[in-house]
Amino acid sequence: MSATIQASALEPAQATLDETVLAGEPWMKRLAKGQIFRIVDLEGNQAVDTLFFNADDPEEHYSLTHTIQAQGALYLGLGTKLMSSEGRPMLSIVADTCGLHDTLGGACSCESNTVRYALEKRFMHSCRDNFMAAIAHDTHGLHKRDIASNINFFMNVPVTPQGGLTFEDGISAPGKYVEMRAEMNLIVLVSNCPQLNNPCNAYNPTPVRCLVWDPA
């Protein structure tokens, strides 16, 4: 999938929600159908692990399998429809100044830190920890079993000719963003990735900005 760049006409001053997610922290909000959701990579080269759920039926969630099948491509970008586990559109990417986002690499966890890096990395903070912390204080009815495969916005995970995955320096830069239109009422759950062991965050996690606009 070639990177297609398209900026948005929406102004941050007109957003109904504008919040900074600190480095390594979780963030959870509701989106109404028709709202526009933007994630901004404030300092560049920061991975943003993200999950989406149907707010009216949280058992329906973002599905990497249905998304890849629907678009016939491994990576996400302008025009991509993010599909649910029921095969329905959840969001559409309507603006993108980065151009390429990963849907294969998954979320870091204590187990993956151990397997990929070293035994002493097991207890380092992870995106899985962030997801668990967020739903522990959740009022939307989410449970541990609801945490499925996630999107890694801004993350660069090439597929090798042998079918493996590699974690490489990101193609994002300060101020790059991705913007989506909600196609149903949603719960969005973000882990602003705390990973220090691979180049997905340039070995230095940084804040991101989340904005929401109401339909015009």
C-alpha atoms as a PDB file:
ATOM      1  CA  MET A   1       0.000   0.000   0.000  1.00  0.00           C
ATOM      2  CA  SER A   2       1.591   3.273  -1.098  1.00  0.00           C
ATOM      3  CA  ALA A   3       1.490   6.154   1.330  1.00  0.00           C
ATOM      4  CA  THR A   4      -1.179   8.696   0.327  1.00  0.00           C
ATOM      5  CA  ILE A   5      -1.045  12.007   2.156  1.00  0.00           C
ATOM      6  CA  GLN A   6      -4.061  14.233   2.672  1.00  0.00           C
ATOM      7  CA  ALA A   7      -4.387  17.035   5.212  1.00  0.00           C
ATOM      8  CA  SER A   8      -7.604  17.941   7.041  1.00  0.00           C
ATOM      9  CA  ALA A   9      -9.504  21.219   6.900  1.00  0.00           C
ATOM     10  CA  LEU A  10     -10.574  20.896  10.552  1.00  0.00           C
ATOM     11  CA  GLU A  11      -9.162  23.449  12.995  1.00  0.00           C
ATOM     12  CA  PRO A  12      -8.112  22.372  16.523  1.00  0.00           C
ATOM     13  CA  ALA A  13      -9.770  25.499  17.953  1.00  0.00           C
ATOM     14  CA  GLN A  14     -13.132  24.109  16.806  1.00  0.00           C
ATOM     15  CA  ALA A  15     -12.677  20.670  18.411  1.00  0.00           C
ATOM     16  CA  THR A  16     -15.134  19.587  21.105  1.00  0.00           C
ATOM     17  CA  LEU A  17     -12.375  17.588  22.822  1.00  0.00           C
ATOM     18  CA  ASP A  18      -8.635  18.272  22.813  1.00  0.00           C
ATOM     19  CA  GLU A  19      -6.484  16.270  25.225  1.00  0.00           C
ATOM     20  CA  THR A  20      -2.818  15.305  25.497  1.00  0.00           C
ATOM     21  CA  VAL A  21      -2.010  11.683  26.320  1.00  0.00           C
ATOM     22  CA  LEU A  22       1.264  11.581  28.209  1.00  0.00           C
ATOM     23  CA  ALA A  23       4.088   9.268  27.202  1.00  0.00           C
ATOM     24  CA  GLY A  24       3.339   5.678  28.161  1.00  0.00           C
ATOM     25  CA  GLU A  25      -0.207   6.367  29.417  1.00  0.00           C
ATOM     26  CA  PRO A  26      -3.680   5.001  28.499  1.00  0.00           C
ATOM     27  CA  TRP A  27      -6.688   7.026  27.293  1.00  0.00           C
ATOM     28  CA  MET A  28     -10.341   5.982  26.855  1.00  0.00           C
ATOM     29  CA  LYS A  29     -13.312   7.937  25.478  1.00  0.00           C
ATOM     30  CA  ARG A  30     -16.648   7.502  23.715  1.00  0.00           C
ATOM     31  CA  LEU A  31     -17.181   8.637  20.129  1.00  0.00           C
ATOM     32  CA  ALA A  32     -20.608   9.236  18.625  1.00  0.00           C
ATOM     33  CA  LYS A  33     -21.418   8.176  15.072  1.00  0.00           C
ATOM     34  CA  GLY A  34     -20.312  10.903  12.691  1.00  0.00           C
ATOM     35  CA  GLN A  35     -17.703  12.447  14.993  1.00  0.00           C
ATOM     36  CA  ILE A  36     -14.158  12.931  13.684  1.00  0.00           C
ATOM     37  CA  PHE A  37     -11.261  11.595  15.762  1.00  0.00           C
ATOM     38  CA  ARG A  38      -7.667  12.739  15.206  1.00  0.00           C
ATOM     39  CA  ILE A  39      -4.458  11.385  16.775  1.00  0.00           C
ATOM     40  CA  VAL A  40      -1.435  13.698  16.489  1.00  0.00           C
ATOM     41  CA  ASP A  41       2.141  12.436  16.832  1.00  0.00           C
ATOM     42  CA  LEU A  42       3.454  15.500  18.661  1.00  0.00           C
ATOM     43  CA  GLU A  43       7.190  14.795  18.620  1.00  0.00           C
ATOM     44  CA  GLY A  44       7.412  12.124  15.914  1.00  0.00           C
ATOM     45  CA  ASN A  45       8.177   8.399  15.827  1.00  0.00           C
ATOM     46  CA  GLN A  46       5.697   7.490  18.571  1.00  0.00           C
ATOM     47  CA  ALA A  47       3.579   4.323  18.335  1.00  0.00           C
ATOM     48  CA  VAL A  48      -0.062   4.635  19.434  1.00  0.00           C
ATOM     49  CA  ASP A  49      -1.710   1.265  20.147  1.00  0.00           C
ATOM     50  CA  THR A  50      -5.461   1.639  19.661  1.00  0.00           C
ATOM     51  CA  LEU A  51      -8.590  -0.483  20.072  1.00  0.00           C
ATOM     52  CA  PHE A  52     -12.170   0.309  19.048  1.00  0.00           C
ATOM     53  CA  PHE A  53     -15.409  -1.198  20.376  1.00  0.00           C
ATOM     54  CA  ASN A  54     -19.054  -0.775  19.441  1.00  0.00           C
ATOM     55  CA  ALA A  55     -20.335   1.387  22.311  1.00  0.00           C
ATOM     56  CA  ASP A  56     -23.789  -0.197  22.035  1.00  0.00           C
ATOM     57  CA  ASP A  57     -22.432  -3.761  22.040  1.00  0.00           C
ATOM     58  CA  PRO A  58     -18.779  -3.928  23.210  1.00  0.00           C
ATOM     59  CA  GLU A  59     -18.462  -7.564  22.127  1.00  0.00           C
ATOM     60  CA  GLU A  60     -18.169  -6.138  18.602  1.00  0.00           C
ATOM     61  CA  HIS A  61     -14.642  -4.793  18.223  1.00  0.00           C
ATOM     62  CA  TYR A  62     -12.032  -3.785  15.656  1.00  0.00           C
ATOM     63  CA  SER A  63     -10.847  -6.788  13.643  1.00  0.00           C
ATOM     64  CA  LEU A  64      -7.507  -6.831  11.837  1.00  0.00           C
ATOM     65  CA  THR A  65      -8.643  -9.874   9.816  1.00  0.00           C
ATOM     66  CA  HIS A  66     -11.810  -8.248   8.494  1.00  0.00           C
ATOM     67  CA  THR A  67      -9.956  -4.973   7.851  1.00  0.00           C
ATOM     68  CA  ILE A  68      -7.160  -6.607   5.835  1.00  0.00           C
ATOM     69  CA  GLN A  69      -9.677  -8.679   3.866  1.00  0.00           C
ATOM     70  CA  ALA A  70     -11.921  -5.702   3.123  1.00  0.00           C
ATOM     71  CA  GLN A  71      -9.153  -3.515   1.687  1.00  0.00           C
ATOM     72  CA  GLY A  72      -6.831  -6.191   0.314  1.00  0.00           C
ATOM     73  CA  ALA A  73      -3.795  -4.607   1.991  1.00  0.00           C
ATOM     74  CA  LEU A  74      -1.805  -5.122   5.182  1.00  0.00           C
ATOM     75  CA  TYR A  75      -1.328  -1.493   6.196  1.00  0.00           C
ATOM     76  CA  LEU A  76      -3.775   1.284   6.999  1.00  0.00           C
ATOM     77  CA  GLY A  77      -3.933   4.669   5.323  1.00  0.00           C
ATOM     78  CA  LEU A  78      -6.171   7.227   3.658  1.00  0.00           C
ATOM     79  CA  GLY A  79      -9.492   5.695   2.637  1.00  0.00           C
ATOM     80  CA  THR A  80      -9.143   2.589   4.811  1.00  0.00           C
ATOM     81  CA  LYS A  81     -12.324   1.386   6.470  1.00  0.00           C
ATOM     82  CA  LEU A  82     -11.606  -0.123   9.879  1.00  0.00           C
ATOM     83  CA  MET A  83     -13.843  -3.165  10.063  1.00  0.00           C
ATOM     84  CA  SER A  84     -15.414  -4.857  13.076  1.00  0.00           C
ATOM     85  CA  SER A  85     -15.486  -8.480  14.169  1.00  0.00           C
ATOM     86  CA  GLU A  86     -18.996  -8.557  12.640  1.00  0.00           C
ATOM     87  CA  GLY A  87     -17.693  -7.349   9.273  1.00  0.00           C
ATOM     88  CA  ARG A  88     -19.142  -3.839   9.599  1.00  0.00           C
ATOM     89  CA  PRO A  89     -17.345  -0.496   9.090  1.00  0.00           C
ATOM     90  CA  MET A  90     -16.397   1.089  12.413  1.00  0.00           C
ATOM     91  CA  LEU A  91     -14.367   4.072  11.172  1.00  0.00           C
ATOM     92  CA  SER A  92     -13.063   5.519   7.912  1.00  0.00           C
ATOM     93  CA  ILE A  93      -9.667   7.220   7.628  1.00  0.00           C
ATOM     94  CA  VAL A  94     -10.528  10.601   6.087  1.00  0.00           C
ATOM     95  CA  ALA A  95      -7.222  12.465   6.491  1.00  0.00           C
ATOM     96  CA  ASP A  96      -3.664  11.262   7.020  1.00  0.00           C
ATOM     97  CA  THR A  97      -0.357  13.126   6.952  1.00  0.00           C
ATOM     98  CA  CYS A  98       1.744  10.098   7.913  1.00  0.00           C
ATOM     99  CA  GLY A  99       0.509   7.658   5.297  1.00  0.00           C
ATOM    100  CA  LEU A 100       1.185   4.213   6.774  1.00  0.00           C
ATOM    101  CA  HIS A 101      -0.015   2.498   9.960  1.00  0.00           C
ATOM    102  CA  ASP A 102       0.548  -1.033  11.257  1.00  0.00           C
ATOM    103  CA  THR A 103      -2.175  -3.558  12.014  1.00  0.00           C
ATOM    104  CA  LEU A 104       0.021  -6.668  12.470  1.00  0.00           C
ATOM    105  CA  GLY A 105       2.552  -5.977  15.230  1.00  0.00           C
ATOM    106  CA  GLY A 106       0.120  -6.198  18.158  1.00  0.00           C
ATOM    107  CA  ALA A 107       0.580  -4.723  21.613  1.00  0.00           C
ATOM    108  CA  CYS A 108       3.681  -5.134  23.742  1.00  0.00           C
ATOM    109  CA  SER A 109       3.184  -7.123  26.942  1.00  0.00           C
ATOM    110  CA  CYS A 110       5.293  -8.581  29.716  1.00  0.00           C
ATOM    111  CA  GLU A 111       5.302 -11.879  27.802  1.00  0.00           C
ATOM    112  CA  SER A 112       6.410 -10.372  24.494  1.00  0.00           C
ATOM    113  CA  ASN A 113       9.033  -8.238  26.236  1.00  0.00           C
ATOM    114  CA  THR A 114      10.459 -11.448  27.692  1.00  0.00           C
ATOM    115  CA  VAL A 115      10.391 -13.445  24.456  1.00  0.00           C
ATOM    116  CA  ARG A 116      11.663 -10.681  22.158  1.00  0.00           C
ATOM    117  CA  TYR A 117      14.228  -9.015  24.399  1.00  0.00           C
ATOM    118  CA  ALA A 118      15.304 -10.583  27.716  1.00  0.00           C
ATOM    119  CA  LEU A 119      13.970 -12.093  30.903  1.00  0.00           C
ATOM    120  CA  GLU A 120      14.745  -8.937  32.882  1.00  0.00           C
ATOM    121  CA  LYS A 121      12.470  -6.947  30.497  1.00  0.00           C
ATOM    122  CA  ARG A 122       9.395  -8.860  31.694  1.00  0.00           C
ATOM    123  CA  PHE A 123       8.410  -6.255  34.253  1.00  0.00           C
ATOM    124  CA  MET A 124       8.770  -3.223  32.028  1.00  0.00           C
ATOM    125  CA  HIS A 125       5.558  -1.258  31.444  1.00  0.00           C
ATOM    126  CA  SER A 126       3.611  -2.342  28.351  1.00  0.00           C
ATOM    127  CA  CYS A 127       0.572  -1.528  26.234  1.00  0.00           C
ATOM    128  CA  ARG A 128      -1.193  -4.611  27.573  1.00  0.00           C
ATOM    129  CA  ASP A 129      -0.713  -3.153  31.081  1.00  0.00           C
ATOM    130  CA  ASN A 130      -2.228   0.132  29.879  1.00  0.00           C
ATOM    131  CA  PHE A 131      -5.270  -1.604  28.400  1.00  0.00           C
ATOM    132  CA  MET A 132      -5.803  -3.564  31.632  1.00  0.00           C
ATOM    133  CA  ALA A 133      -5.438  -0.438  33.773  1.00  0.00           C
ATOM    134  CA  ALA A 134      -7.965   1.459  31.647  1.00  0.00           C
ATOM    135  CA  ILE A 135     -10.664  -1.205  31.732  1.00  0.00           C
ATOM    136  CA  ALA A 136     -10.140  -1.763  35.475  1.00  0.00           C
ATOM    137  CA  HIS A 137     -11.706   1.681  36.006  1.00  0.00           C
ATOM    138  CA  ASP A 138     -14.087   1.400  33.050  1.00  0.00           C
ATOM    139  CA  THR A 139     -17.845   1.989  33.149  1.00  0.00           C
ATOM    140  CA  HIS A 140     -18.454   0.736  29.590  1.00  0.00           C
ATOM    141  CA  GLY A 141     -18.613  -2.950  30.490  1.00  0.00           C
ATOM    142  CA  LEU A 142     -15.266  -3.999  29.019  1.00  0.00           C
ATOM    143  CA  HIS A 143     -13.412  -6.988  30.432  1.00  0.00           C
ATOM    144  CA  LYS A 144     -10.017  -8.618  30.010  1.00  0.00           C
ATOM    145  CA  ARG A 145     -11.382 -11.018  27.399  1.00  0.00           C
ATOM    146  CA  ASP A 146     -12.451  -8.067  25.217  1.00  0.00           C
ATOM    147  CA  ILE A 147      -8.858  -6.962  24.495  1.00  0.00           C
ATOM    148  CA  ALA A 148      -8.257  -8.171  20.930  1.00  0.00           C
ATOM    149  CA  SER A 149      -5.650  -7.339  18.286  1.00  0.00           C
ATOM    150  CA  ASN A 150      -5.010  -3.616  17.988  1.00  0.00           C
ATOM    151  CA  ILE A 151      -3.898  -0.991  15.484  1.00  0.00           C
ATOM    152  CA  ASN A 152      -0.457   0.606  15.886  1.00  0.00           C
ATOM    153  CA  PHE A 153      -0.868   4.100  14.482  1.00  0.00           C
ATOM    154  CA  PHE A 154       2.386   5.658  13.158  1.00  0.00           C
ATOM    155  CA  MET A 155       4.280   2.399  13.697  1.00  0.00           C
ATOM    156  CA  ASN A 156       6.464   0.927  10.933  1.00  0.00           C
ATOM    157  CA  VAL A 157       6.414  -2.891  10.882  1.00  0.00           C
ATOM    158  CA  PRO A 158       7.609  -4.201   7.485  1.00  0.00           C
ATOM    159  CA  VAL A 159       6.887  -7.782   6.458  1.00  0.00           C
ATOM    160  CA  THR A 160      10.012  -9.666   5.364  1.00  0.00           C
ATOM    161  CA  PRO A 161      10.093 -11.820   2.185  1.00  0.00           C
ATOM    162  CA  GLN A 162      10.020 -14.837   4.514  1.00  0.00           C
ATOM    163  CA  GLY A 163       6.761 -13.628   6.091  1.00  0.00           C
ATOM    164  CA  GLY A 164       8.242 -12.364   9.369  1.00  0.00           C
ATOM    165  CA  LEU A 165       7.812  -8.946  10.976  1.00  0.00           C
ATOM    166  CA  THR A 166      10.485  -6.392  11.817  1.00  0.00           C
ATOM    167  CA  PHE A 167      10.194  -3.270  13.950  1.00  0.00           C
ATOM    168  CA  GLU A 168      11.824  -0.306  12.217  1.00  0.00           C
ATOM    169  CA  ASP A 169      12.178   3.442  12.671  1.00  0.00           C
ATOM    170  CA  GLY A 170       8.857   5.160  12.074  1.00  0.00           C
ATOM    171  CA  ILE A 171       8.041   7.215   8.993  1.00  0.00           C
ATOM    172  CA  SER A 172       6.139   9.746  11.090  1.00  0.00           C
ATOM    173  CA  ALA A 173       7.431  13.155  12.194  1.00  0.00           C
ATOM    174  CA  PRO A 174       6.427  15.890  14.670  1.00  0.00           C
ATOM    175  CA  GLY A 175       2.877  17.049  14.004  1.00  0.00           C
ATOM    176  CA  LYS A 176       1.874  14.185  11.711  1.00  0.00           C
ATOM    177  CA  TYR A 177      -1.655  12.932  12.295  1.00  0.00           C
ATOM    178  CA  VAL A 178      -4.331  10.455  11.280  1.00  0.00           C
ATOM    179  CA  GLU A 179      -8.018  11.387  11.290  1.00  0.00           C
ATOM    180  CA  MET A 180     -11.029   9.056  11.285  1.00  0.00           C
ATOM    181  CA  ARG A 181     -14.805   9.388  11.016  1.00  0.00           C
ATOM    182  CA  ALA A 182     -16.812   7.163  13.375  1.00  0.00           C
ATOM    183  CA  GLU A 183     -19.304   5.033  11.434  1.00  0.00           C
ATOM    184  CA  MET A 184     -21.023   3.836  14.608  1.00  0.00           C
ATOM    185  CA  ASN A 185     -21.073   4.791  18.295  1.00  0.00           C
ATOM    186  CA  LEU A 186     -17.671   3.760  19.616  1.00  0.00           C
ATOM    187  CA  ILE A 187     -15.431   3.312  22.615  1.00  0.00           C
ATOM    188  CA  VAL A 188     -11.826   4.179  21.779  1.00  0.00           C
ATOM    189  CA  LEU A 189      -9.033   2.787  23.963  1.00  0.00           C
ATOM    190  CA  VAL A 190      -5.506   4.089  23.418  1.00  0.00           C
ATOM    191  CA  SER A 191      -2.182   3.030  24.864  1.00  0.00           C
ATOM    192  CA  ASN A 192       0.452   5.644  24.095  1.00  0.00           C
ATOM    193  CA  CYS A 193       3.103   2.977  23.831  1.00  0.00           C
ATOM    194  CA  PRO A 194       5.773   2.854  26.586  1.00  0.00           C
ATOM    195  CA  GLN A 195       8.064   0.461  24.667  1.00  0.00           C
ATOM    196  CA  LEU A 196      11.793   1.179  25.152  1.00  0.00           C
ATOM    197  CA  ASN A 197      13.303  -1.918  23.518  1.00  0.00           C
ATOM    198  CA  ASN A 198      12.682  -1.343  19.805  1.00  0.00           C
ATOM    199  CA  PRO A 199      12.662   1.704  17.497  1.00  0.00           C
ATOM    200  CA  CYS A 200       8.851   2.093  17.368  1.00  0.00           C
ATOM    201  CA  ASN A 201       9.193   5.064  19.780  1.00  0.00           C
ATOM    202  CA  ALA A 202      12.786   6.000  18.905  1.00  0.00           C
ATOM    203  CA  TYR A 203      13.588   4.427  22.324  1.00  0.00           C
ATOM    204  CA  ASN A 204      12.001   7.514  23.894  1.00  0.00           C
ATOM    205  CA  PRO A 205       8.192   7.515  24.378  1.00  0.00           C
ATOM    206  CA  THR A 206       6.605  10.946  23.873  1.00  0.00           C
ATOM    207  CA  PRO A 207       3.109  12.490  24.252  1.00  0.00           C
ATOM    208  CA  VAL A 208       0.380  12.440  21.622  1.00  0.00           C
ATOM    209  CA  ARG A 209      -2.707  14.622  21.187  1.00  0.00           C
ATOM    210  CA  CYS A 210      -6.270  13.348  20.721  1.00  0.00           C
ATOM    211  CA  LEU A 211      -8.966  15.616  19.268  1.00  0.00           C
ATOM    212  CA  VAL A 212     -12.652  15.094  18.470  1.00  0.00           C
ATOM    213  CA  TRP A 213     -14.959  17.208  16.296  1.00  0.00           C
ATOM    214  CA  ASP A 214     -18.747  16.956  16.069  1.00  0.00           C
ATOM    215  CA  PRO A 215     -20.284  16.422  12.616  1.00  0.00           C
ATOM    216  CA  ALA A 216     -20.580  19.582  10.521  1.00  0.00           C
END
